[in-house]
């Protein structure tokens, strides 16, 4: 007969030694968090890390919009509303994570939005968008250093995208319920954020994206405008996260308003964008291309459009309308025929503010029951406002201020639409 050490034994089997009192608080915390997770559908994770940055990186990789850090020894609870916050001296913690539902801007983006007036962006007199990148005194030391660090990170990201080897269509595996394939869209083994130690990426329902900053396109136009004016290199996409958002029934849709394939010569931004998506395993099933300037279908299909897009491409050679309910408003006639399980990308660039801005504001308002907010996975828009660096390019088409544009794009992101400045 085995001897019991503080607990009754049944037959030849004895229970464990008395419970260590130090474990009791931890067990209580786990019990409480387990109950909370059952009641409120919270997810919680355990970490044993001394490095708080690793803890927070793990938090962000789990797509959390808020967190609660519980010190299991003292039962002290620290709540944080943003995953960019810092937590120090965390030796052993339990973290509860609410599945991402809100928008988490980077600290630099948040500063720019909150100080737009002080930065001069509310003026219609073409303020400079490059000052925050070039002049340390335009913001403050932390923001200027944050932007410089982000610029260095972005260079590494651009190189990683360039070096990335194209992968097959991810959806072939997603249809079979295999989401492990999404890992093949990673740019870094530890996730996209590992390429950005500056922590200046913003977080959306579609994963990480670039922060909203003037001059409303690649900031390297500040040094060489001619070289970088039409570059898409500043756009950050989290293809792994977008892959994991797909459903086996998803349709992959691109609605292109302002779809000229000849305006920029042989270097067409929309074709470059589609090629980037394709490189990372996203092949569009449906491409609706609206363009007001007449271009003969023979020219579109024989000379301008790469053959690989033929099966998905719909050339609609007419202008769009901003009138709600009008059948030439793609938000009404096309978008409404898809659902939340579909992957939907919209590009808006028709160089007519009187039509573009109302369409963008309809997206902000959300449509019936906020449908647009749930449908759209990526949105690209060239918003012609009074901005010094682009005044010569936009000329008479400028309407509104940089602050108006920042507020619009930030509002879209808050509503759930990952919005990007388009060149």
Foldseek 3Di string as FASTA:
>chain_A
DDDEAPADDDPPDYDDHDDDPQCVLVVVVVVVVVVVCVVPVKDKDWDQDQDQVVVLLVLVVQQFQWKWKAQSRVRDIDTDRHSVDTDHRCGITMMIGHHHDFKFAFPLLVQCLVCVVVLVQQDQQAHAQLCLQPPCVSGHVLNNVLVVLQVVLLVVVLVLLVPQFFDAALLVVQLVVDLVCLCSLASDNSGPCVSRPSRRWMAFQQGTWHRDGPVQAPSCCVVPVVVGVQDRSRTDGRSSSNSVLAHSPAAEEEEEAAQDQPPVHLDDSVVVVQVSCRSSNDHHQAYEHEAADDDDPCCCQVPGDDPVCVNHYDYHHRHAALDPPDCSHCVNPPQVVDALNYAYEYEHDHLAQVGRVSSLVCLLVQPDPNRSLRRYAEYEYAQAARHNSCCVVSPPSHDGTSSVVSVSCVSSRRSRYNYGYHD
